[in-house]
Amino acid sequence: MTEVRCDIAFTLNGAPVALNIGGHENIVDVLKRLGLSGARESCGQGLCGCCTVIIDGVAESGCLTLAQLVDGRSVQTIEGLDADGALSPVQQAFIDAGALQCGFCAPGFVLMSHQLLAANPDPSEAEIRDYLSGNLCRCATYPEIIKAVRLAASRMRAAQAA
């Protein structure tokens, strides 16, 4: 039986990428092949958030997204959040708030928090909990995650005001 393959081209963290993929590959498989390990397949059902990637500005479950569907689109991963080697405010807040216990779920939480704060720079605790409800942390650092999002929001608002 012959494997179905196709060529795709997309923008990954601001840089053009072109490659040949198997028709069955999801975007997490392709990212792994490209040396990016932040999006991790954990549940394989889109229920835990560990595989979160941002596609054309919208958070998606990478384990459920066939790679061929990103052809011509823009994909952002946790590896693309830093600017000139400096961590994003959300990444730094997660470190400062101690929200990275084992780190396995952190990329998904950080990307979702980044997207939340882009849409709502001053979310309430209830809004944060609701927005992040599709992400699971097996270490149960939820209080620290909430603290990290609030810290990032505060820092981002202060930087905006300056």
N, C-alpha and C. Protein backbone atom coordinates (compact mmCIF):
# COMPACT_ATOMS: atom_id res chain seq x y z
N MET A 1 0.84 -1.17 0.00
CA MET A 1 0.00 0.00 0.00
C MET A 1 0.89 1.24 0.00
N THR A 2 0.58 2.20 -0.83
CA THR A 2 1.37 3.40 -0.97
C THR A 2 0.85 4.49 -0.03
N GLU A 3 1.79 5.11 0.70
CA GLU A 3 1.42 6.20 1.60
C GLU A 3 1.09 7.45 0.79
N VAL A 4 0.01 8.11 1.16
CA VAL A 4 -0.36 9.37 0.52
C VAL A 4 0.51 10.47 1.11
N ARG A 5 1.13 11.26 0.24
CA ARG A 5 2.00 12.35 0.67
C ARG A 5 1.57 13.62 -0.06
N CYS A 6 1.90 14.76 0.52
CA CYS A 6 1.59 16.03 -0.14
C CYS A 6 2.60 17.09 0.28
N ASP A 7 2.72 18.11 -0.54
CA ASP A 7 3.58 19.25 -0.24
C ASP A 7 2.75 20.34 0.41
N ILE A 8 3.29 20.93 1.46
CA ILE A 8 2.64 22.07 2.10
C ILE A 8 3.65 23.18 2.29
N ALA A 9 3.14 24.40 2.37
CA ALA A 9 3.95 25.58 2.66
C ALA A 9 3.14 26.44 3.61
N PHE A 10 3.77 26.87 4.68
CA PHE A 10 3.08 27.71 5.66
C PHE A 10 4.11 28.58 6.37
N THR A 11 3.63 29.50 7.17
CA THR A 11 4.50 30.36 7.97
C THR A 11 4.52 29.80 9.38
N LEU A 12 5.72 29.55 9.89
CA LEU A 12 5.88 29.00 11.23
C LEU A 12 6.69 29.99 12.06
N ASN A 13 6.04 30.55 13.06
CA ASN A 13 6.70 31.54 13.93
C ASN A 13 7.38 32.64 13.12
N GLY A 14 6.69 33.07 12.06
CA GLY A 14 7.17 34.18 11.24
C GLY A 14 8.09 33.81 10.10
N ALA A 15 8.46 32.54 9.97
CA ALA A 15 9.37 32.12 8.91
C ALA A 15 8.67 31.15 7.96
N PRO A 16 8.94 31.26 6.66
CA PRO A 16 8.31 30.34 5.70
C PRO A 16 8.88 28.92 5.84
N VAL A 17 7.99 27.95 5.70
CA VAL A 17 8.36 26.54 5.76
C VAL A 17 7.68 25.84 4.60
N ALA A 18 8.41 24.96 3.93
CA ALA A 18 7.84 24.12 2.88
C ALA A 18 8.38 22.71 3.08
N LEU A 19 7.50 21.73 3.07
CA LEU A 19 7.94 20.36 3.23
C LEU A 19 6.92 19.38 2.69
N ASN A 20 7.37 18.16 2.55
CA ASN A 20 6.52 17.08 2.08
C ASN A 20 6.11 16.27 3.30
N ILE A 21 4.82 16.02 3.43
CA ILE A 21 4.30 15.34 4.61
C ILE A 21 3.44 14.14 4.21
N GLY A 22 3.29 13.25 5.15
CA GLY A 22 2.35 12.16 4.98
C GLY A 22 0.94 12.67 5.22
N GLY A 23 -0.01 12.18 4.48
CA GLY A 23 -1.39 12.64 4.59
C GLY A 23 -2.01 12.42 5.96
N HIS A 24 -1.45 11.51 6.74
CA HIS A 24 -1.97 11.19 8.07
C HIS A 24 -1.36 12.05 9.18
N GLU A 25 -0.31 12.80 8.89
CA GLU A 25 0.42 13.53 9.94
C GLU A 25 -0.38 14.71 10.49
N ASN A 26 -0.35 14.85 11.81
CA ASN A 26 -0.95 16.04 12.40
C ASN A 26 0.14 17.10 12.55
N ILE A 27 -0.25 18.30 12.92
CA ILE A 27 0.72 19.40 12.98
C ILE A 27 1.76 19.16 14.08
N VAL A 28 1.41 18.46 15.14
CA VAL A 28 2.38 18.16 16.20
C VAL A 28 3.49 17.27 15.64
N ASP A 29 3.12 16.27 14.82
CA ASP A 29 4.12 15.40 14.19
C ASP A 29 5.09 16.22 13.34
N VAL A 30 4.54 17.14 12.56
CA VAL A 30 5.36 17.96 11.67
C VAL A 30 6.26 18.89 12.48
N LEU A 31 5.73 19.50 13.52
CA LEU A 31 6.55 20.38 14.36
C LEU A 31 7.70 19.61 14.99
N LYS A 32 7.44 18.39 15.43
CA LYS A 32 8.49 17.54 16.00
C LYS A 32 9.59 17.29 14.97
N ARG A 33 9.17 17.00 13.72
CA ARG A 33 10.15 16.78 12.65
C ARG A 33 11.00 18.02 12.40
N LEU A 34 10.41 19.19 12.64
CA LEU A 34 11.12 20.46 12.44
C LEU A 34 11.96 20.85 13.67
N GLY A 35 11.98 20.01 14.68
CA GLY A 35 12.80 20.26 15.86
C GLY A 35 12.12 21.07 16.95
N LEU A 36 10.82 21.27 16.84
CA LEU A 36 10.08 22.02 17.86
C LEU A 36 9.34 21.03 18.76
N SER A 37 9.56 21.14 20.05
CA SER A 37 8.98 20.15 20.97
C SER A 37 8.00 20.75 21.97
N GLY A 38 7.65 22.01 21.83
CA GLY A 38 6.74 22.65 22.78
C GLY A 38 5.33 22.09 22.73
N ALA A 39 4.79 21.91 21.55
CA ALA A 39 3.45 21.32 21.41
C ALA A 39 3.62 19.81 21.56
N ARG A 40 2.98 19.26 22.58
CA ARG A 40 3.15 17.84 22.88
C ARG A 40 1.82 17.11 22.78
N GLU A 41 1.85 15.97 22.13
CA GLU A 41 0.63 15.17 22.10
C GLU A 41 0.56 14.36 23.39
N SER A 42 -0.53 14.53 24.11
CA SER A 42 -0.69 13.84 25.38
C SER A 42 -1.92 12.94 25.33
N CYS A 43 -3.09 13.55 25.23
CA CYS A 43 -4.32 12.75 25.24
C CYS A 43 -4.69 12.23 23.84
N GLY A 44 -4.25 12.93 22.80
CA GLY A 44 -4.58 12.52 21.44
C GLY A 44 -6.04 12.74 21.07
N GLN A 45 -6.77 13.47 21.91
CA GLN A 45 -8.19 13.69 21.69
C GLN A 45 -8.59 15.16 21.76
N GLY A 46 -7.63 16.06 21.89
CA GLY A 46 -7.93 17.48 21.97
C GLY A 46 -8.57 17.90 23.28
N LEU A 47 -8.31 17.14 24.34
CA LEU A 47 -8.97 17.42 25.63
C LEU A 47 -8.08 18.04 26.69
N CYS A 48 -6.74 18.04 26.48
CA CYS A 48 -5.86 18.45 27.57
C CYS A 48 -5.13 19.77 27.32
N GLY A 49 -5.00 20.19 26.07
CA GLY A 49 -4.35 21.46 25.76
C GLY A 49 -2.85 21.41 25.62
N CYS A 50 -2.22 20.26 25.85
CA CYS A 50 -0.75 20.16 25.76
C CYS A 50 -0.25 20.39 24.34
N CYS A 51 -1.08 20.17 23.35
CA CYS A 51 -0.67 20.28 21.95
C CYS A 51 -1.09 21.60 21.31
N THR A 52 -1.48 22.56 22.12
CA THR A 52 -2.00 23.83 21.60
C THR A 52 -1.00 24.53 20.68
N VAL A 53 -1.50 24.96 19.53
CA VAL A 53 -0.79 25.83 18.61
C VAL A 53 -1.77 26.92 18.19
N ILE A 54 -1.23 28.05 17.75
CA ILE A 54 -2.07 29.14 17.28
C ILE A 54 -2.01 29.13 15.75
N ILE A 55 -3.17 28.94 15.12
CA ILE A 55 -3.24 28.91 13.66
C ILE A 55 -4.08 30.10 13.21
N ASP A 56 -3.46 30.98 12.44
CA ASP A 56 -4.12 32.21 11.99
C ASP A 56 -4.80 32.94 13.14
N GLY A 57 -4.10 33.00 14.28
CA GLY A 57 -4.58 33.75 15.43
C GLY A 57 -5.57 33.04 16.33
N VAL A 58 -5.86 31.77 16.05
CA VAL A 58 -6.84 31.02 16.83
C VAL A 58 -6.18 29.77 17.42
N ALA A 59 -6.37 29.55 18.71
CA ALA A 59 -5.81 28.37 19.36
C ALA A 59 -6.50 27.12 18.83
N GLU A 60 -5.68 26.12 18.50
CA GLU A 60 -6.18 24.86 17.98
C GLU A 60 -5.48 23.70 18.69
N SER A 61 -6.15 22.56 18.73
CA SER A 61 -5.52 21.35 19.24
C SER A 61 -4.68 20.75 18.13
N GLY A 62 -3.37 20.78 18.31
CA GLY A 62 -2.46 20.29 17.29
C GLY A 62 -2.60 18.81 17.02
N CYS A 63 -3.03 18.04 18.04
CA CYS A 63 -3.17 16.60 17.84
C CYS A 63 -4.34 16.27 16.92
N LEU A 64 -5.29 17.18 16.80
CA LEU A 64 -6.46 16.96 15.96
C LEU A 64 -6.38 17.66 14.61
N THR A 65 -5.34 18.45 14.40
CA THR A 65 -5.22 19.25 13.18
C THR A 65 -4.29 18.56 12.20
N LEU A 66 -4.85 18.06 11.11
CA LEU A 66 -4.01 17.47 10.08
C LEU A 66 -3.07 18.54 9.54
N ALA A 67 -1.82 18.17 9.36
CA ALA A 67 -0.82 19.13 8.91
C ALA A 67 -1.17 19.74 7.56
N GLN A 68 -1.81 18.97 6.70
CA GLN A 68 -2.14 19.51 5.38
C GLN A 68 -3.14 20.67 5.47
N LEU A 69 -3.84 20.80 6.59
CA LEU A 69 -4.79 21.89 6.76
C LEU A 69 -4.12 23.22 7.09
N VAL A 70 -2.82 23.22 7.39
CA VAL A 70 -2.13 24.49 7.66
C VAL A 70 -1.47 25.04 6.40
N ASP A 71 -1.61 24.36 5.28
CA ASP A 71 -1.04 24.84 4.02
C ASP A 71 -1.54 26.26 3.75
N GLY A 72 -0.61 27.19 3.55
CA GLY A 72 -0.95 28.58 3.25
C GLY A 72 -1.34 29.41 4.47
N ARG A 73 -1.20 28.84 5.64
CA ARG A 73 -1.63 29.54 6.85
C ARG A 73 -0.43 29.91 7.72
N SER A 74 -0.72 30.54 8.85
CA SER A 74 0.31 30.96 9.79
C SER A 74 0.16 30.17 11.09
N VAL A 75 1.25 29.58 11.54
CA VAL A 75 1.26 28.78 12.77
C VAL A 75 2.24 29.41 13.75
N GLN A 76 1.78 29.58 14.99
CA GLN A 76 2.66 30.07 16.05
C GLN A 76 2.71 29.02 17.14
N THR A 77 3.91 28.77 17.64
CA THR A 77 4.11 27.83 18.73
C THR A 77 4.74 28.57 19.91
N ILE A 78 4.89 27.87 21.00
CA ILE A 78 5.52 28.46 22.18
C ILE A 78 6.92 28.96 21.84
N GLU A 79 7.60 28.28 20.92
CA GLU A 79 8.95 28.67 20.54
C GLU A 79 8.98 30.02 19.83
N GLY A 80 7.84 30.47 19.32
CA GLY A 80 7.78 31.73 18.60
C GLY A 80 7.29 32.91 19.42
N LEU A 81 7.09 32.72 20.72
CA LEU A 81 6.58 33.83 21.55
C LEU A 81 7.66 34.80 21.98
N ASP A 82 8.89 34.33 22.10
CA ASP A 82 9.94 35.23 22.57
C ASP A 82 10.28 36.25 21.48
N ALA A 83 10.82 37.35 21.90
CA ALA A 83 11.22 38.42 20.97
C ALA A 83 12.68 38.73 21.17
N ASP A 84 13.48 38.51 20.15
CA ASP A 84 14.91 38.78 20.21
C ASP A 84 15.58 38.11 21.41
N GLY A 85 15.16 36.88 21.69
CA GLY A 85 15.77 36.13 22.79
C GLY A 85 15.20 36.42 24.16
N ALA A 86 14.32 37.39 24.27
CA ALA A 86 13.70 37.71 25.56
C ALA A 86 12.36 37.00 25.66
N LEU A 87 12.08 36.44 26.82
CA LEU A 87 10.80 35.79 27.02
C LEU A 87 9.65 36.79 26.91
N SER A 88 8.50 36.30 26.48
CA SER A 88 7.32 37.16 26.44
C SER A 88 6.89 37.45 27.88
N PRO A 89 6.09 38.50 28.09
CA PRO A 89 5.62 38.78 29.45
C PRO A 89 4.87 37.60 30.07
N VAL A 90 4.14 36.85 29.26
CA VAL A 90 3.40 35.70 29.79
C VAL A 90 4.38 34.60 30.20
N GLN A 91 5.35 34.31 29.36
CA GLN A 91 6.34 33.29 29.71
C GLN A 91 7.07 33.67 31.01
N GLN A 92 7.50 34.92 31.12
CA GLN A 92 8.22 35.36 32.31
C GLN A 92 7.33 35.29 33.55
N ALA A 93 6.07 35.67 33.41
CA ALA A 93 5.15 35.62 34.55
C ALA A 93 4.93 34.18 35.02
N PHE A 94 4.88 33.23 34.11
CA PHE A 94 4.73 31.83 34.51
C PHE A 94 5.94 31.37 35.33
N ILE A 95 7.12 31.82 34.96
CA ILE A 95 8.33 31.49 35.73
C ILE A 95 8.26 32.17 37.10
N ASP A 96 7.98 33.47 37.10
CA ASP A 96 7.99 34.25 38.34
C ASP A 96 6.92 33.79 39.33
N ALA A 97 5.79 33.30 38.83
CA ALA A 97 4.70 32.86 39.70
C ALA A 97 4.83 31.39 40.09
N GLY A 98 5.84 30.70 39.62
CA GLY A 98 6.02 29.29 39.95
C GLY A 98 4.98 28.39 39.33
N ALA A 99 4.52 28.75 38.13
CA ALA A 99 3.44 27.99 37.47
C ALA A 99 3.96 26.92 36.52
N LEU A 100 5.21 26.54 36.65
CA LEU A 100 5.82 25.60 35.70
C LEU A 100 6.27 24.31 36.35
N GLN A 101 5.55 23.79 37.30
CA GLN A 101 6.05 22.67 38.09
C GLN A 101 6.78 21.63 37.25
N CYS A 102 6.12 20.78 36.49
CA CYS A 102 6.85 19.83 35.65
C CYS A 102 7.08 20.39 34.26
N GLY A 103 6.28 21.35 33.86
CA GLY A 103 6.45 22.02 32.58
C GLY A 103 5.78 21.36 31.39
N PHE A 104 5.23 20.17 31.55
CA PHE A 104 4.66 19.46 30.41
C PHE A 104 3.48 20.21 29.79
N CYS A 105 2.60 20.75 30.60
CA CYS A 105 1.42 21.44 30.11
C CYS A 105 1.66 22.93 29.84
N ALA A 106 2.79 23.44 30.32
CA ALA A 106 3.04 24.88 30.29
C ALA A 106 2.92 25.52 28.91
N PRO A 107 3.46 24.93 27.84
CA PRO A 107 3.33 25.60 26.54
C PRO A 107 1.87 25.89 26.15
N GLY A 108 1.00 24.93 26.38
CA GLY A 108 -0.41 25.14 26.06
C GLY A 108 -1.04 26.23 26.92
N PHE A 109 -0.75 26.21 28.21
CA PHE A 109 -1.27 27.24 29.10
C PHE A 109 -0.73 28.62 28.72
N VAL A 110 0.55 28.70 28.40
CA VAL A 110 1.14 29.99 28.04
C VAL A 110 0.52 30.53 26.75
N LEU A 111 0.38 29.68 25.73
CA LEU A 111 -0.23 30.14 24.47
C LEU A 111 -1.68 30.58 24.68
N MET A 112 -2.44 29.81 25.43
CA MET A 112 -3.83 30.21 25.69
C MET A 112 -3.89 31.50 26.49
N SER A 113 -3.01 31.66 27.47
CA SER A 113 -2.98 32.89 28.27
C SER A 113 -2.59 34.08 27.40
N HIS A 114 -1.63 33.88 26.53
CA HIS A 114 -1.21 34.93 25.60
C HIS A 114 -2.39 35.36 24.73
N GLN A 115 -3.13 34.39 24.22
CA GLN A 115 -4.29 34.71 23.39
C GLN A 115 -5.38 35.42 24.20
N LEU A 116 -5.61 34.96 25.42
CA LEU A 116 -6.60 35.60 26.30
C LEU A 116 -6.24 37.06 26.53
N LEU A 117 -4.97 37.33 26.89
CA LEU A 117 -4.58 38.70 27.22
C LEU A 117 -4.55 39.61 25.99
N ALA A 118 -4.38 39.04 24.82
CA ALA A 118 -4.47 39.84 23.60
C ALA A 118 -5.90 40.31 23.37
N ALA A 119 -6.86 39.49 23.76
CA ALA A 119 -8.27 39.83 23.58
C ALA A 119 -8.84 40.60 24.77
N ASN A 120 -8.32 40.32 25.97
CA ASN A 120 -8.84 40.92 27.19
C ASN A 120 -7.66 41.23 28.12
N PRO A 121 -7.16 42.46 28.10
CA PRO A 121 -5.96 42.80 28.88
C PRO A 121 -6.16 42.82 30.40
N ASP A 122 -7.40 42.73 30.87
CA ASP A 122 -7.64 42.77 32.31
C ASP A 122 -8.74 41.77 32.70
N PRO A 123 -8.48 40.47 32.49
CA PRO A 123 -9.52 39.48 32.79
C PRO A 123 -9.68 39.25 34.29
N SER A 124 -10.89 38.94 34.67
CA SER A 124 -11.16 38.57 36.06
C SER A 124 -10.68 37.13 36.28
N GLU A 125 -10.61 36.73 37.52
CA GLU A 125 -10.22 35.35 37.81
C GLU A 125 -11.19 34.36 37.16
N ALA A 126 -12.46 34.67 37.20
CA ALA A 126 -13.46 33.79 36.58
C ALA A 126 -13.25 33.69 35.07
N GLU A 127 -12.92 34.82 34.45
CA GLU A 127 -12.66 34.80 33.00
C GLU A 127 -11.41 33.99 32.66
N ILE A 128 -10.39 34.11 33.49
CA ILE A 128 -9.17 33.33 33.28
C ILE A 128 -9.48 31.84 33.40
N ARG A 129 -10.16 31.47 34.47
CA ARG A 129 -10.52 30.06 34.68
C ARG A 129 -11.34 29.52 33.51
N ASP A 130 -12.30 30.30 33.06
CA ASP A 130 -13.14 29.86 31.95
C ASP A 130 -12.32 29.69 30.68
N TYR A 131 -11.47 30.65 30.38
CA TYR A 131 -10.69 30.62 29.15
C TYR A 131 -9.71 29.45 29.14
N LEU A 132 -9.16 29.13 30.29
CA LEU A 132 -8.16 28.07 30.38
C LEU A 132 -8.77 26.72 30.75
N SER A 133 -10.08 26.62 30.78
CA SER A 133 -10.73 25.39 31.23
C SER A 133 -10.47 24.19 30.33
N GLY A 134 -10.02 24.39 29.11
CA GLY A 134 -9.71 23.28 28.22
C GLY A 134 -8.29 22.76 28.37
N ASN A 135 -7.54 23.33 29.29
CA ASN A 135 -6.17 22.90 29.52
C ASN A 135 -6.08 22.19 30.87
N LEU A 136 -5.33 21.10 30.90
CA LEU A 136 -5.18 20.32 32.13
C LEU A 136 -3.75 20.37 32.63
N CYS A 137 -3.62 20.52 33.94
CA CYS A 137 -2.31 20.49 34.59
C CYS A 137 -2.32 19.31 35.56
N ARG A 138 -1.50 18.33 35.28
CA ARG A 138 -1.47 17.14 36.13
C ARG A 138 -0.79 17.41 37.48
N CYS A 139 -0.01 18.47 37.57
CA CYS A 139 0.65 18.83 38.84
C CYS A 139 -0.24 19.72 39.70
N ALA A 140 -1.37 20.13 39.15
CA ALA A 140 -2.35 20.94 39.88
C ALA A 140 -1.80 22.29 40.32
N THR A 141 -1.07 22.96 39.43
CA THR A 141 -0.56 24.29 39.75
C THR A 141 -1.56 25.38 39.35
N TYR A 142 -2.82 25.06 39.37
CA TYR A 142 -3.84 26.02 38.93
C TYR A 142 -3.77 27.36 39.67
N PRO A 143 -3.60 27.39 41.00
CA PRO A 143 -3.51 28.70 41.66
C PRO A 143 -2.33 29.54 41.13
N GLU A 144 -1.20 28.88 40.88
CA GLU A 144 -0.04 29.59 40.36
C GLU A 144 -0.26 30.04 38.91
N ILE A 145 -0.99 29.25 38.15
CA ILE A 145 -1.29 29.62 36.76
C ILE A 145 -2.17 30.86 36.74
N ILE A 146 -3.19 30.89 37.60
CA ILE A 146 -4.06 32.07 37.69
C ILE A 146 -3.22 33.29 38.10
N LYS A 147 -2.35 33.10 39.09
CA LYS A 147 -1.47 34.18 39.54
C LYS A 147 -0.57 34.65 38.39
N ALA A 148 -0.06 33.73 37.60
CA ALA A 148 0.82 34.08 36.48
C ALA A 148 0.08 34.90 35.43
N VAL A 149 -1.14 34.52 35.11
CA VAL A 149 -1.91 35.26 34.11
C VAL A 149 -2.20 36.67 34.62
N ARG A 150 -2.57 36.78 35.88
CA ARG A 150 -2.85 38.10 36.45
C ARG A 150 -1.58 38.96 36.50
N LEU A 151 -0.45 38.34 36.82
CA LEU A 151 0.83 39.05 36.85
C LEU A 151 1.21 39.54 35.44
N ALA A 152 1.07 38.66 34.47
CA ALA A 152 1.37 39.05 33.07
C ALA A 152 0.45 40.18 32.62
N ALA A 153 -0.82 40.08 32.95
CA ALA A 153 -1.78 41.12 32.56
C ALA A 153 -1.38 42.46 33.16
N SER A 154 -1.02 42.44 34.43
CA SER A 154 -0.61 43.67 35.13
C SER A 154 0.64 44.27 34.49
N ARG A 155 1.62 43.44 34.22
CA ARG A 155 2.86 43.92 33.61
C ARG A 155 2.62 44.45 32.20
N MET A 156 1.77 43.78 31.45
CA MET A 156 1.50 44.20 30.08
C MET A 156 0.75 45.53 30.06
N ARG A 157 -0.19 45.70 31.00
CA ARG A 157 -0.91 46.98 31.09
C ARG A 157 0.04 48.10 31.48
N ALA A 158 0.95 47.83 32.44
CA ALA A 158 1.91 48.83 32.88
C ALA A 158 2.85 49.22 31.73
N ALA A 159 3.29 48.24 30.95
CA ALA A 159 4.16 48.54 29.81
C ALA A 159 3.42 49.35 28.74
N GLN A 160 2.15 49.06 28.56
CA GLN A 160 1.32 49.78 27.59
C GLN A 160 1.14 51.23 28.01
N ALA A 161 0.99 51.45 29.32
CA ALA A 161 0.78 52.80 29.84
C ALA A 161 2.05 53.65 29.81
N ALA A 162 3.21 52.98 29.85
CA ALA A 162 4.48 53.70 29.89
C ALA A 162 4.85 54.33 28.57
